[in-house]
Amino acid sequence: MAKVFGKEYHKEELMKKTGNLSQVCGIREFTFNSGRAKGVDAIEVNAGDLKFTVISSRCLDIGQASYKGFPFGYISKSGLRAPEYFMEKKAKGFLDGFYGGLVTTSGLNNIGVDCVVDGKEYGVHGEIANIPAEMVSKREYWDDDELYFEISGKIRHSRFYAEDLVMERIIRTRLGSNKLTITDTVENRDFTSVPLMLLYHINLGFPFLDSASKLIIPHLKDSWPRTASAKKGLSSFDSFSDPVDGIGEECFYHSFDSDDGKASICLFNPQLGKKGMGVYLKYDTQQLPVFLQWKMMRSKEYVCGFAPATTYAEGRKVAIEKNETIFLEPLEKKMFCIEIGVTEDIDSI
């Protein structure tokens, strides 16, 4: 049944109570018309308690997101920028245009640090987050008494004398749900084998992130710092402080020991809402074998990042040298799926 305003309704009941379903839910398209975001196309999804904005002009990534009025996607001081402002140049391109949002996709030819491979330069986290989607489609449909919302499109990551990768993305939720899923299928449209590098930069901020918040990782097997500067914070990777002026970031890798190969991670704030609220991520470690936690407690840049990935975030050069990359053969496809949701029950994690 469809849940609206805390009550469940059959399809017929809900339709009788509204002249048009847009009164209580639905999909709405719009375009930003000022500042550096001018011309950016977006899609707003209102699924009842869950609301989020999909940025069509930037990879169908997810910007603003909220649940029961509580925002949970971090928005950076850079703000949203149109893709034409992007110029891939080491770290500059990615950081200048890093909007944050709930999801920023990284890849598909590099994740992590910039590097040079065979004379070609690859910037931090690649360029896919700044590529507009093509063939964008919006779908709203009933399946018995459940009302589903679906957005899909294709993102072409291609360049002359290099890769020709096409990612088809489907974002789906339903009315009254506390979660959304992102399903990506990446195809190698060229006729030579190419490395595939993909990282989901999931960015969580205040009020879910606060000094009372805890990072919960069931089936945690091992944890280690990504850099030497993070070693001192390893013992407290799962706790957070109030914002601190001028502090540096800390990044940690975590591995899991679950029988079914599924990973679950939750940022839970026990002081939010009536009994506490948390944002969780679920995914298949067979598809995304690496998990990176980004912990940034600096004032104005107060964010906790979840980053499941196909390989470590040390750049294309290191990944190839260590034989850690996934390769796509000609016309081969690989699928990746993640689930992001909000829970008010810590035991469910």
C-alpha atoms as a PDB file:
ATOM      1  CA  MET A   1       0.000   0.000   0.000  1.00  0.00           C
ATOM      2  CA  ALA A   2       1.045   3.613  -0.547  1.00  0.00           C
ATOM      3  CA  LYS A   3       1.979   5.427   2.662  1.00  0.00           C
ATOM      4  CA  VAL A   4       1.291   9.173   2.872  1.00  0.00           C
ATOM      5  CA  PHE A   5       1.381  11.385   5.986  1.00  0.00           C
ATOM      6  CA  GLY A   6       1.803   8.366   8.237  1.00  0.00           C
ATOM      7  CA  LYS A   7      -1.188   6.428   6.901  1.00  0.00           C
ATOM      8  CA  GLU A   8      -1.443   3.667   4.307  1.00  0.00           C
ATOM      9  CA  TYR A   9      -3.861   3.877   1.373  1.00  0.00           C
ATOM     10  CA  HIS A  10      -5.043   1.603  -1.384  1.00  0.00           C
ATOM     11  CA  LYS A  11      -4.654   2.989  -4.899  1.00  0.00           C
ATOM     12  CA  GLU A  12      -8.368   3.647  -5.218  1.00  0.00           C
ATOM     13  CA  GLU A  13      -8.551   5.428  -1.861  1.00  0.00           C
ATOM     14  CA  LEU A  14      -5.687   7.772  -2.664  1.00  0.00           C
ATOM     15  CA  MET A  15      -6.983   8.597  -6.126  1.00  0.00           C
ATOM     16  CA  LYS A  16     -10.428   9.413  -4.738  1.00  0.00           C
ATOM     17  CA  LYS A  17      -8.924  11.856  -2.230  1.00  0.00           C
ATOM     18  CA  THR A  18      -6.907  13.818  -4.823  1.00  0.00           C
ATOM     19  CA  GLY A  19      -7.789  15.510  -8.079  1.00  0.00           C
ATOM     20  CA  ASN A  20      -4.210  14.956  -9.240  1.00  0.00           C
ATOM     21  CA  LEU A  21      -1.556  12.909  -7.456  1.00  0.00           C
ATOM     22  CA  SER A  22       0.878  15.819  -7.770  1.00  0.00           C
ATOM     23  CA  GLN A  23      -1.059  17.220  -4.809  1.00  0.00           C
ATOM     24  CA  VAL A  24       0.797  14.789  -2.531  1.00  0.00           C
ATOM     25  CA  CYS A  25       3.650  13.232  -4.532  1.00  0.00           C
ATOM     26  CA  GLY A  26       5.231  12.880  -7.952  1.00  0.00           C
ATOM     27  CA  ILE A  27       8.053  13.829 -10.292  1.00  0.00           C
ATOM     28  CA  ARG A  28       8.709  17.442 -11.313  1.00  0.00           C
ATOM     29  CA  GLU A  29      11.271  18.706 -13.845  1.00  0.00           C
ATOM     30  CA  PHE A  30      12.913  22.116 -13.609  1.00  0.00           C
ATOM     31  CA  THR A  31      15.964  24.087 -14.749  1.00  0.00           C
ATOM     32  CA  PHE A  32      18.150  26.350 -12.614  1.00  0.00           C
ATOM     33  CA  ASN A  33      18.228  29.869 -14.044  1.00  0.00           C
ATOM     34  CA  SER A  34      20.847  31.855 -12.138  1.00  0.00           C
ATOM     35  CA  GLY A  35      24.464  31.795 -11.024  1.00  0.00           C
ATOM     36  CA  ARG A  36      26.870  29.053 -12.015  1.00  0.00           C
ATOM     37  CA  ALA A  37      24.013  26.547 -11.910  1.00  0.00           C
ATOM     38  CA  LYS A  38      22.176  28.355 -14.701  1.00  0.00           C
ATOM     39  CA  GLY A  39      20.998  25.911 -17.358  1.00  0.00           C
ATOM     40  CA  VAL A  40      21.333  22.820 -15.164  1.00  0.00           C
ATOM     41  CA  ASP A  41      18.397  20.457 -15.689  1.00  0.00           C
ATOM     42  CA  ALA A  42      17.063  18.609 -12.654  1.00  0.00           C
ATOM     43  CA  ILE A  43      14.265  16.288 -11.576  1.00  0.00           C
ATOM     44  CA  GLU A  44      12.615  16.502  -8.176  1.00  0.00           C
ATOM     45  CA  VAL A  45      11.146  13.308  -6.738  1.00  0.00           C
ATOM     46  CA  ASN A  46       8.533  13.617  -3.998  1.00  0.00           C
ATOM     47  CA  ALA A  47       7.889  10.126  -2.613  1.00  0.00           C
ATOM     48  CA  GLY A  48       6.141  11.275   0.560  1.00  0.00           C
ATOM     49  CA  ASP A  49       8.546  11.259   3.506  1.00  0.00           C
ATOM     50  CA  LEU A  50      11.477  10.810   1.111  1.00  0.00           C
ATOM     51  CA  LYS A  51      12.340  13.647  -1.273  1.00  0.00           C
ATOM     52  CA  PHE A  52      15.397  14.056  -3.481  1.00  0.00           C
ATOM     53  CA  THR A  53      16.662  15.897  -6.556  1.00  0.00           C
ATOM     54  CA  VAL A  54      18.301  14.142  -9.515  1.00  0.00           C
ATOM     55  CA  ILE A  55      20.717  16.310 -11.531  1.00  0.00           C
ATOM     56  CA  SER A  56      20.155  15.389 -15.193  1.00  0.00           C
ATOM     57  CA  SER A  57      22.929  17.694 -16.391  1.00  0.00           C
ATOM     58  CA  ARG A  58      25.438  15.945 -14.158  1.00  0.00           C
ATOM     59  CA  CYS A  59      25.354  12.171 -14.523  1.00  0.00           C
ATOM     60  CA  LEU A  60      21.914  11.738 -12.922  1.00  0.00           C
ATOM     61  CA  ASP A  61      23.658  12.188  -9.581  1.00  0.00           C
ATOM     62  CA  ILE A  62      21.567  13.069  -6.529  1.00  0.00           C
ATOM     63  CA  GLY A  63      21.824  16.520  -4.969  1.00  0.00           C
ATOM     64  CA  GLN A  64      19.484  17.576  -2.175  1.00  0.00           C
ATOM     65  CA  ALA A  65      17.822  14.756  -0.221  1.00  0.00           C
ATOM     66  CA  SER A  66      15.591  14.728   2.853  1.00  0.00           C
ATOM     67  CA  TYR A  67      13.463  12.391   4.938  1.00  0.00           C
ATOM     68  CA  LYS A  68      10.529  13.659   7.009  1.00  0.00           C
ATOM     69  CA  GLY A  69      11.957  17.134   6.556  1.00  0.00           C
ATOM     70  CA  PHE A  70      15.468  16.222   7.776  1.00  0.00           C
ATOM     71  CA  PRO A  71      18.121  16.833   5.073  1.00  0.00           C
ATOM     72  CA  PHE A  72      20.820  14.186   4.826  1.00  0.00           C
ATOM     73  CA  GLY A  73      22.881  14.999   1.715  1.00  0.00           C
ATOM     74  CA  TYR A  74      25.861  17.307   2.317  1.00  0.00           C
ATOM     75  CA  ILE A  75      26.014  20.391   0.089  1.00  0.00           C
ATOM     76  CA  SER A  76      29.470  21.940  -0.342  1.00  0.00           C
ATOM     77  CA  LYS A  77      30.347  25.619  -0.364  1.00  0.00           C
ATOM     78  CA  SER A  78      31.212  25.283  -4.059  1.00  0.00           C
ATOM     79  CA  GLY A  79      27.503  24.970  -4.801  1.00  0.00           C
ATOM     80  CA  LEU A  80      25.992  23.437  -7.898  1.00  0.00           C
ATOM     81  CA  ARG A  81      27.745  24.314 -11.165  1.00  0.00           C
ATOM     82  CA  ALA A  82      26.852  23.656 -14.768  1.00  0.00           C
ATOM     83  CA  PRO A  83      29.079  21.021 -16.410  1.00  0.00           C
ATOM     84  CA  GLU A  84      30.606  23.555 -18.820  1.00  0.00           C
ATOM     85  CA  TYR A  85      32.599  25.001 -15.914  1.00  0.00           C
ATOM     86  CA  PHE A  86      34.435  21.699 -15.509  1.00  0.00           C
ATOM     87  CA  MET A  87      38.013  21.321 -16.717  1.00  0.00           C
ATOM     88  CA  GLU A  88      39.826  18.132 -15.815  1.00  0.00           C
ATOM     89  CA  LYS A  89      43.155  19.285 -14.402  1.00  0.00           C
ATOM     90  CA  LYS A  90      44.616  17.142 -11.631  1.00  0.00           C
ATOM     91  CA  ALA A  91      42.576  17.899  -8.487  1.00  0.00           C
ATOM     92  CA  LYS A  92      41.372  21.310  -9.607  1.00  0.00           C
ATOM     93  CA  GLY A  93      38.549  20.183 -11.885  1.00  0.00           C
ATOM     94  CA  PHE A  94      36.893  17.858  -9.401  1.00  0.00           C
ATOM     95  CA  LEU A  95      37.281  20.102  -6.350  1.00  0.00           C
ATOM     96  CA  ASP A  96      36.121  23.276  -8.109  1.00  0.00           C
ATOM     97  CA  GLY A  97      32.881  21.603  -9.100  1.00  0.00           C
ATOM     98  CA  PHE A  98      32.396  19.284  -6.118  1.00  0.00           C
ATOM     99  CA  TYR A  99      28.793  20.000  -5.213  1.00  0.00           C
ATOM    100  CA  GLY A 100      28.632  17.111  -2.812  1.00  0.00           C
ATOM    101  CA  GLY A 101      24.980  16.216  -2.788  1.00  0.00           C
ATOM    102  CA  LEU A 102      23.864  12.804  -1.653  1.00  0.00           C
ATOM    103  CA  VAL A 103      25.684  11.021  -4.508  1.00  0.00           C
ATOM    104  CA  THR A 104      28.561  12.122  -6.726  1.00  0.00           C
ATOM    105  CA  THR A 105      29.701   9.432  -9.155  1.00  0.00           C
ATOM    106  CA  SER A 106      33.447   9.064  -9.702  1.00  0.00           C
ATOM    107  CA  GLY A 107      35.206   7.410 -12.668  1.00  0.00           C
ATOM    108  CA  LEU A 108      34.963   5.788 -15.090  1.00  0.00           C
ATOM    109  CA  ASN A 109      38.624   5.863 -16.116  1.00  0.00           C
ATOM    110  CA  ASN A 110      40.072   7.024 -12.795  1.00  0.00           C
ATOM    111  CA  ILE A 111      39.145   7.187  -9.128  1.00  0.00           C
ATOM    112  CA  GLY A 112      41.188   8.725  -6.358  1.00  0.00           C
ATOM    113  CA  VAL A 113      44.390  10.638  -6.998  1.00  0.00           C
ATOM    114  CA  ASP A 114      45.385  12.147 -10.337  1.00  0.00           C
ATOM    115  CA  CYS A 115      48.033  10.398 -12.393  1.00  0.00           C
ATOM    116  CA  VAL A 116      49.600  10.006 -15.820  1.00  0.00           C
ATOM    117  CA  VAL A 117      49.350   6.671 -17.663  1.00  0.00           C
ATOM    118  CA  ASP A 118      50.889   6.148 -21.115  1.00  0.00           C
ATOM    119  CA  GLY A 119      51.253   9.899 -21.514  1.00  0.00           C
ATOM    120  CA  LYS A 120      47.583  10.612 -20.741  1.00  0.00           C
ATOM    121  CA  GLU A 121      46.566  12.722 -17.752  1.00  0.00           C
ATOM    122  CA  TYR A 122      43.770  11.536 -15.482  1.00  0.00           C
ATOM    123  CA  GLY A 123      42.270  13.944 -12.957  1.00  0.00           C
ATOM    124  CA  VAL A 124      41.020  13.244  -9.446  1.00  0.00           C
ATOM    125  CA  HIS A 125      37.931  11.003  -9.549  1.00  0.00           C
ATOM    126  CA  GLY A 126      37.629  11.278 -13.326  1.00  0.00           C
ATOM    127  CA  GLU A 127      35.031  13.338 -15.184  1.00  0.00           C
ATOM    128  CA  ILE A 128      31.782  11.368 -15.244  1.00  0.00           C
ATOM    129  CA  ALA A 129      30.175  13.504 -12.517  1.00  0.00           C
ATOM    130  CA  ASN A 130      30.296  16.418 -14.947  1.00  0.00           C
ATOM    131  CA  ILE A 131      28.858  14.633 -17.996  1.00  0.00           C
ATOM    132  CA  PRO A 132      25.177  15.336 -18.801  1.00  0.00           C
ATOM    133  CA  ALA A 133      22.879  12.336 -19.129  1.00  0.00           C
ATOM    134  CA  GLU A 134      21.243  11.451 -22.433  1.00  0.00           C
ATOM    135  CA  MET A 135      17.869   9.852 -23.203  1.00  0.00           C
ATOM    136  CA  VAL A 136      16.559  10.772 -19.747  1.00  0.00           C
ATOM    137  CA  SER A 137      13.222   9.166 -18.958  1.00  0.00           C
ATOM    138  CA  LYS A 138      10.777   9.616 -16.069  1.00  0.00           C
ATOM    139  CA  ARG A 139       8.263   6.980 -15.145  1.00  0.00           C
ATOM    140  CA  GLU A 140       5.476   6.910 -12.547  1.00  0.00           C
ATOM    141  CA  TYR A 141       3.486   3.688 -12.346  1.00  0.00           C
ATOM    142  CA  TRP A 142       1.284   1.587 -10.074  1.00  0.00           C
ATOM    143  CA  ASP A 143       2.021  -2.046  -9.290  1.00  0.00           C
ATOM    144  CA  ASP A 144      -1.082  -3.195  -7.424  1.00  0.00           C
ATOM    145  CA  ASP A 145      -1.302  -0.737  -4.507  1.00  0.00           C
ATOM    146  CA  GLU A 146       2.310   0.460  -4.725  1.00  0.00           C
ATOM    147  CA  LEU A 147       3.161   3.676  -6.619  1.00  0.00           C
ATOM    148  CA  TYR A 148       6.688   3.624  -8.053  1.00  0.00           C
ATOM    149  CA  PHE A 149       8.892   6.473  -9.308  1.00  0.00           C
ATOM    150  CA  GLU A 150      11.697   5.711 -11.753  1.00  0.00           C
ATOM    151  CA  ILE A 151      14.262   7.894 -13.504  1.00  0.00           C
ATOM    152  CA  SER A 152      16.649   6.497 -16.094  1.00  0.00           C
ATOM    153  CA  GLY A 153      19.180   7.702 -18.628  1.00  0.00           C
ATOM    154  CA  LYS A 154      22.541   7.047 -20.239  1.00  0.00           C
ATOM    155  CA  ILE A 155      25.872   8.728 -19.584  1.00  0.00           C
ATOM    156  CA  ARG A 156      28.470   8.424 -22.325  1.00  0.00           C
ATOM    157  CA  HIS A 157      32.062   8.474 -21.054  1.00  0.00           C
ATOM    158  CA  SER A 158      33.923   8.547 -24.354  1.00  0.00           C
ATOM    159  CA  ARG A 159      36.823  10.317 -26.001  1.00  0.00           C
ATOM    160  CA  PHE A 160      38.821  10.017 -29.204  1.00  0.00           C
ATOM    161  CA  TYR A 161      41.845   7.702 -28.894  1.00  0.00           C
ATOM    162  CA  ALA A 162      40.525   6.443 -25.541  1.00  0.00           C
ATOM    163  CA  GLU A 163      37.619   4.590 -23.947  1.00  0.00           C
ATOM    164  CA  ASP A 164      34.013   4.377 -25.125  1.00  0.00           C
ATOM    165  CA  LEU A 165      32.018   3.487 -22.015  1.00  0.00           C
ATOM    166  CA  VAL A 166      28.264   3.935 -21.672  1.00  0.00           C
ATOM    167  CA  MET A 167      26.592   3.785 -18.272  1.00  0.00           C
ATOM    168  CA  GLU A 168      22.841   3.248 -18.068  1.00  0.00           C
ATOM    169  CA  ARG A 169      21.476   4.436 -14.726  1.00  0.00           C
ATOM    170  CA  ILE A 170      18.121   3.652 -13.143  1.00  0.00           C
ATOM    171  CA  ILE A 171      17.021   5.357  -9.913  1.00  0.00           C
ATOM    172  CA  ARG A 172      13.922   3.894  -8.277  1.00  0.00           C
ATOM    173  CA  THR A 173      11.803   4.432  -5.173  1.00  0.00           C
ATOM    174  CA  ARG A 174       8.124   4.174  -4.236  1.00  0.00           C
ATOM    175  CA  LEU A 175       5.561   6.302  -2.428  1.00  0.00           C
ATOM    176  CA  GLY A 176       6.000   6.020   1.333  1.00  0.00           C
ATOM    177  CA  SER A 177       9.407   4.356   1.089  1.00  0.00           C
ATOM    178  CA  ASN A 178      12.409   5.237   3.236  1.00  0.00           C
ATOM    179  CA  LYS A 179      14.927   4.232   0.573  1.00  0.00           C
ATOM    180  CA  LEU A 180      16.047   4.523  -3.038  1.00  0.00           C
ATOM    181  CA  THR A 181      18.122   2.282  -5.257  1.00  0.00           C
ATOM    182  CA  ILE A 182      20.624   3.160  -7.962  1.00  0.00           C
ATOM    183  CA  THR A 183      21.330   0.501 -10.582  1.00  0.00           C
ATOM    184  CA  ASP A 184      24.124   1.177 -13.069  1.00  0.00           C
ATOM    185  CA  THR A 185      25.029  -0.988 -16.046  1.00  0.00           C
ATOM    186  CA  VAL A 186      28.322  -0.074 -17.721  1.00  0.00           C
ATOM    187  CA  GLU A 187      29.070  -1.306 -21.239  1.00  0.00           C
ATOM    188  CA  ASN A 188      32.348  -1.178 -23.164  1.00  0.00           C
ATOM    189  CA  ARG A 189      31.246   0.008 -26.613  1.00  0.00           C
ATOM    190  CA  ASP A 190      34.762  -0.176 -28.029  1.00  0.00           C
ATOM    191  CA  PHE A 191      36.622  -3.171 -29.435  1.00  0.00           C
ATOM    192  CA  THR A 192      39.547  -3.259 -27.051  1.00  0.00           C
ATOM    193  CA  SER A 193      39.699  -4.232 -23.397  1.00  0.00           C
ATOM    194  CA  VAL A 194      39.606  -1.215 -21.039  1.00  0.00           C
ATOM    195  CA  PRO A 195      39.948  -0.692 -17.271  1.00  0.00           C
ATOM    196  CA  LEU A 196      36.733   0.231 -15.469  1.00  0.00           C
ATOM    197  CA  MET A 197      36.993   2.315 -12.308  1.00  0.00           C
ATOM    198  CA  LEU A 198      33.869   3.318 -10.398  1.00  0.00           C
ATOM    199  CA  LEU A 199      33.329   4.897  -6.983  1.00  0.00           C
ATOM    200  CA  TYR A 200      30.095   6.156  -5.431  1.00  0.00           C
ATOM    201  CA  HIS A 201      30.892   9.306  -3.423  1.00  0.00           C
ATOM    202  CA  ILE A 202      27.990   9.320  -0.913  1.00  0.00           C
ATOM    203  CA  ASN A 203      28.132  12.496   1.177  1.00  0.00           C
ATOM    204  CA  LEU A 204      26.293  12.795   4.496  1.00  0.00           C
ATOM    205  CA  GLY A 205      26.033  15.991   6.508  1.00  0.00           C
ATOM    206  CA  PHE A 206      24.270  17.772   9.351  1.00  0.00           C
ATOM    207  CA  PRO A 207      21.907  17.017  11.079  1.00  0.00           C
ATOM    208  CA  PHE A 208      22.535  13.283  10.596  1.00  0.00           C
ATOM    209  CA  LEU A 209      26.208  14.074  11.143  1.00  0.00           C
ATOM    210  CA  ASP A 210      26.819  15.627  14.555  1.00  0.00           C
ATOM    211  CA  SER A 211      28.968  15.143  17.643  1.00  0.00           C
ATOM    212  CA  ALA A 212      26.563  12.484  18.978  1.00  0.00           C
ATOM    213  CA  SER A 213      26.587  10.453  15.752  1.00  0.00           C
ATOM    214  CA  LYS A 214      28.145   7.013  15.452  1.00  0.00           C
ATOM    215  CA  LEU A 215      29.264   5.017  12.438  1.00  0.00           C
ATOM    216  CA  ILE A 216      27.824   1.508  12.602  1.00  0.00           C
ATOM    217  CA  ILE A 217      29.428  -1.232  10.494  1.00  0.00           C
ATOM    218  CA  PRO A 218      28.020  -4.716  11.095  1.00  0.00           C
ATOM    219  CA  HIS A 219      30.336  -7.574  10.098  1.00  0.00           C
ATOM    220  CA  LEU A 220      33.392  -5.292  10.203  1.00  0.00           C
ATOM    221  CA  LYS A 221      36.498  -7.381   9.563  1.00  0.00           C
ATOM    222  CA  ASP A 222      39.364  -4.909   9.448  1.00  0.00           C
ATOM    223  CA  SER A 223      40.096  -1.171   9.259  1.00  0.00           C
ATOM    224  CA  TRP A 224      43.202   0.729   8.251  1.00  0.00           C
ATOM    225  CA  PRO A 225      44.106   4.356   7.449  1.00  0.00           C
ATOM    226  CA  ARG A 226      44.425   5.426   3.841  1.00  0.00           C
ATOM    227  CA  THR A 227      47.194   7.919   4.609  1.00  0.00           C
ATOM    228  CA  ALA A 228      49.786   8.377   7.342  1.00  0.00           C
ATOM    229  CA  SER A 229      47.946  11.463   8.590  1.00  0.00           C
ATOM    230  CA  ALA A 230      44.881   9.307   9.362  1.00  0.00           C
ATOM    231  CA  LYS A 231      46.747   6.844  11.587  1.00  0.00           C
ATOM    232  CA  LYS A 232      46.161   8.900  14.720  1.00  0.00           C
ATOM    233  CA  GLY A 233      42.408   8.830  14.144  1.00  0.00           C
ATOM    234  CA  LEU A 234      42.034   5.110  13.451  1.00  0.00           C
ATOM    235  CA  SER A 235      40.800   4.250  16.938  1.00  0.00           C
ATOM    236  CA  SER A 236      38.020   6.852  16.661  1.00  0.00           C
ATOM    237  CA  PHE A 237      36.976   6.410  13.021  1.00  0.00           C
ATOM    238  CA  ASP A 238      33.407   5.669  14.130  1.00  0.00           C
ATOM    239  CA  SER A 239      32.860   8.779  16.281  1.00  0.00           C
ATOM    240  CA  PHE A 240      32.602  12.452  15.386  1.00  0.00           C
ATOM    241  CA  SER A 241      33.225  15.868  16.907  1.00  0.00           C
ATOM    242  CA  ASP A 242      31.689  19.269  16.473  1.00  0.00           C
ATOM    243  CA  PRO A 243      33.212  21.237  13.552  1.00  0.00           C
ATOM    244  CA  VAL A 244      36.853  22.240  14.073  1.00  0.00           C
ATOM    245  CA  ASP A 245      38.485  25.183  12.271  1.00  0.00           C
ATOM    246  CA  GLY A 246      41.368  24.197   9.997  1.00  0.00           C
ATOM    247  CA  ILE A 247      41.419  20.462  10.727  1.00  0.00           C
ATOM    248  CA  GLY A 248      42.430  18.045   7.968  1.00  0.00           C
ATOM    249  CA  GLU A 249      40.524  15.110   6.511  1.00  0.00           C
ATOM    250  CA  GLU A 250      40.883  11.495   7.596  1.00  0.00           C
ATOM    251  CA  CYS A 251      40.192   8.556   5.271  1.00  0.00           C
ATOM    252  CA  PHE A 252      39.926   4.908   6.267  1.00  0.00           C
ATOM    253  CA  TYR A 253      39.479   1.648   4.419  1.00  0.00           C
ATOM    254  CA  HIS A 254      37.157  -0.989   5.906  1.00  0.00           C
ATOM    255  CA  SER A 255      36.655  -4.623   4.967  1.00  0.00           C
ATOM    256  CA  PHE A 256      33.694  -6.861   5.814  1.00  0.00           C
ATOM    257  CA  ASP A 257      33.126 -10.446   6.861  1.00  0.00           C
ATOM    258  CA  SER A 258      29.551 -11.319   5.899  1.00  0.00           C
ATOM    259  CA  ASP A 259      28.329 -14.714   4.761  1.00  0.00           C
ATOM    260  CA  ASP A 260      26.227 -13.360   1.896  1.00  0.00           C
ATOM    261  CA  GLY A 261      28.751 -10.812   0.606  1.00  0.00           C
ATOM    262  CA  LYS A 262      26.454  -7.899   1.444  1.00  0.00           C
ATOM    263  CA  ALA A 263      27.751  -4.782   3.175  1.00  0.00           C
ATOM    264  CA  SER A 264      25.761  -2.449   5.436  1.00  0.00           C
ATOM    265  CA  ILE A 265      27.013   0.852   6.846  1.00  0.00           C
ATOM    266  CA  CYS A 266      25.001   3.392   8.821  1.00  0.00           C
ATOM    267  CA  LEU A 267      25.624   6.894  10.163  1.00  0.00           C
ATOM    268  CA  PHE A 268      23.255   7.078  13.149  1.00  0.00           C
ATOM    269  CA  ASN A 269      22.432  10.115  15.264  1.00  0.00           C
ATOM    270  CA  PRO A 270      20.628   9.000  18.469  1.00  0.00           C
ATOM    271  CA  GLN A 271      19.551  12.583  19.174  1.00  0.00           C
ATOM    272  CA  LEU A 272      17.730  13.103  15.879  1.00  0.00           C
ATOM    273  CA  GLY A 273      13.957  12.700  15.752  1.00  0.00           C
ATOM    274  CA  LYS A 274      12.083  10.875  18.487  1.00  0.00           C
ATOM    275  CA  LYS A 275      14.325   7.832  18.905  1.00  0.00           C
ATOM    276  CA  GLY A 276      17.263   8.612  16.658  1.00  0.00           C
ATOM    277  CA  MET A 277      17.705   8.445  12.881  1.00  0.00           C
ATOM    278  CA  GLY A 278      20.396   7.153  10.584  1.00  0.00           C
ATOM    279  CA  VAL A 279      21.340   7.051   6.918  1.00  0.00           C
ATOM    280  CA  TYR A 280      22.410   3.640   5.700  1.00  0.00           C
ATOM    281  CA  LEU A 281      24.074   2.169   2.617  1.00  0.00           C
ATOM    282  CA  LYS A 282      23.705  -1.421   1.410  1.00  0.00           C
ATOM    283  CA  TYR A 283      25.498  -3.040  -1.536  1.00  0.00           C
ATOM    284  CA  ASP A 284      27.162  -6.196  -2.849  1.00  0.00           C
ATOM    285  CA  THR A 285      30.876  -6.485  -2.119  1.00  0.00           C
ATOM    286  CA  GLN A 286      31.278  -8.759  -5.143  1.00  0.00           C
ATOM    287  CA  GLN A 287      30.403  -5.776  -7.320  1.00  0.00           C
ATOM    288  CA  LEU A 288      32.224  -3.161  -5.210  1.00  0.00           C
ATOM    289  CA  PRO A 289      34.987  -4.869  -3.222  1.00  0.00           C
ATOM    290  CA  VAL A 290      36.507  -1.719  -1.689  1.00  0.00           C
ATOM    291  CA  PHE A 291      34.963   0.601   0.918  1.00  0.00           C
ATOM    292  CA  LEU A 292      36.478   3.973   1.801  1.00  0.00           C
ATOM    293  CA  GLN A 293      35.236   6.166   4.653  1.00  0.00           C
ATOM    294  CA  TRP A 294      35.819   9.921   4.334  1.00  0.00           C
ATOM    295  CA  LYS A 295      35.775  11.793   7.643  1.00  0.00           C
ATOM    296  CA  MET A 296      36.049  15.577   7.433  1.00  0.00           C
ATOM    297  CA  MET A 297      35.352  17.565  10.619  1.00  0.00           C
ATOM    298  CA  ARG A 298      36.501  20.956   9.336  1.00  0.00           C
ATOM    299  CA  SER A 299      34.153  23.914   9.752  1.00  0.00           C
ATOM    300  CA  LYS A 300      32.124  24.508   6.549  1.00  0.00           C
ATOM    301  CA  GLU A 301      33.371  21.161   5.221  1.00  0.00           C
ATOM    302  CA  TYR A 302      31.660  19.024   7.849  1.00  0.00           C
ATOM    303  CA  VAL A 303      30.901  15.729   6.134  1.00  0.00           C
ATOM    304  CA  CYS A 304      31.067  11.963   6.445  1.00  0.00           C
ATOM    305  CA  GLY A 305      31.485  10.130   3.169  1.00  0.00           C
ATOM    306  CA  PHE A 306      30.687   6.530   2.238  1.00  0.00           C
ATOM    307  CA  ALA A 307      32.598   5.438  -0.861  1.00  0.00           C
ATOM    308  CA  PRO A 308      32.136   1.880  -2.148  1.00  0.00           C
ATOM    309  CA  ALA A 309      34.353   1.300  -5.163  1.00  0.00           C
ATOM    310  CA  THR A 310      35.738  -1.193  -7.648  1.00  0.00           C
ATOM    311  CA  THR A 311      39.304  -0.542  -6.502  1.00  0.00           C
ATOM    312  CA  TYR A 312      41.322   1.476  -4.016  1.00  0.00           C
ATOM    313  CA  ALA A 313      41.346   5.227  -4.473  1.00  0.00           C
ATOM    314  CA  GLU A 314      45.044   5.465  -5.276  1.00  0.00           C
ATOM    315  CA  GLY A 315      44.575   6.282  -8.938  1.00  0.00           C
ATOM    316  CA  ARG A 316      44.584   4.456 -12.252  1.00  0.00           C
ATOM    317  CA  LYS A 317      48.361   4.090 -12.435  1.00  0.00           C
ATOM    318  CA  VAL A 318      48.695   2.291  -9.091  1.00  0.00           C
ATOM    319  CA  ALA A 319      45.608   0.141  -9.707  1.00  0.00           C
ATOM    320  CA  ILE A 320      46.969  -1.113 -13.039  1.00  0.00           C
ATOM    321  CA  GLU A 321      50.460  -1.718 -11.634  1.00  0.00           C
ATOM    322  CA  LYS A 322      48.990  -3.753  -8.751  1.00  0.00           C
ATOM    323  CA  ASN A 323      46.619  -5.628 -11.067  1.00  0.00           C
ATOM    324  CA  GLU A 324      43.602  -4.453  -9.038  1.00  0.00           C
ATOM    325  CA  THR A 325      41.449  -3.085 -11.831  1.00  0.00           C
ATOM    326  CA  ILE A 326      38.331  -4.557 -13.375  1.00  0.00           C
ATOM    327  CA  PHE A 327      38.649  -4.840 -17.152  1.00  0.00           C
ATOM    328  CA  LEU A 328      35.714  -4.740 -19.525  1.00  0.00           C
ATOM    329  CA  GLU A 329      36.127  -6.747 -22.707  1.00  0.00           C
ATOM    330  CA  PRO A 330      34.633  -5.465 -25.998  1.00  0.00           C
ATOM    331  CA  LEU A 331      30.829  -5.113 -25.676  1.00  0.00           C
ATOM    332  CA  GLU A 332      30.934  -6.573 -22.164  1.00  0.00           C
ATOM    333  CA  LYS A 333      28.597  -5.176 -19.502  1.00  0.00           C
ATOM    334  CA  LYS A 334      28.834  -5.029 -15.712  1.00  0.00           C
ATOM    335  CA  MET A 335      26.068  -4.084 -13.304  1.00  0.00           C
ATOM    336  CA  PHE A 336      26.341  -2.282  -9.965  1.00  0.00           C
ATOM    337  CA  CYS A 337      23.555  -1.616  -7.476  1.00  0.00           C
ATOM    338  CA  ILE A 338      23.458   0.373  -4.239  1.00  0.00           C
ATOM    339  CA  GLU A 339      20.634   1.084  -1.787  1.00  0.00           C
ATOM    340  CA  ILE A 340      20.523   4.268   0.298  1.00  0.00           C
ATOM    341  CA  GLY A 341      17.889   4.754   2.951  1.00  0.00           C
ATOM    342  CA  VAL A 342      16.965   6.271   6.287  1.00  0.00           C
ATOM    343  CA  THR A 343      16.185   4.227   9.373  1.00  0.00           C
ATOM    344  CA  GLU A 344      14.611   5.132  12.699  1.00  0.00           C
ATOM    345  CA  ASP A 345      15.450   1.727  14.154  1.00  0.00           C
ATOM    346  CA  ILE A 346      19.101   1.160  14.978  1.00  0.00           C
ATOM    347  CA  ASP A 347      18.469  -2.576  15.434  1.00  0.00           C
ATOM    348  CA  SER A 348      17.490  -2.892  11.763  1.00  0.00           C
ATOM    349  CA  ILE A 349      21.108  -2.232  10.807  1.00  0.00           C
END
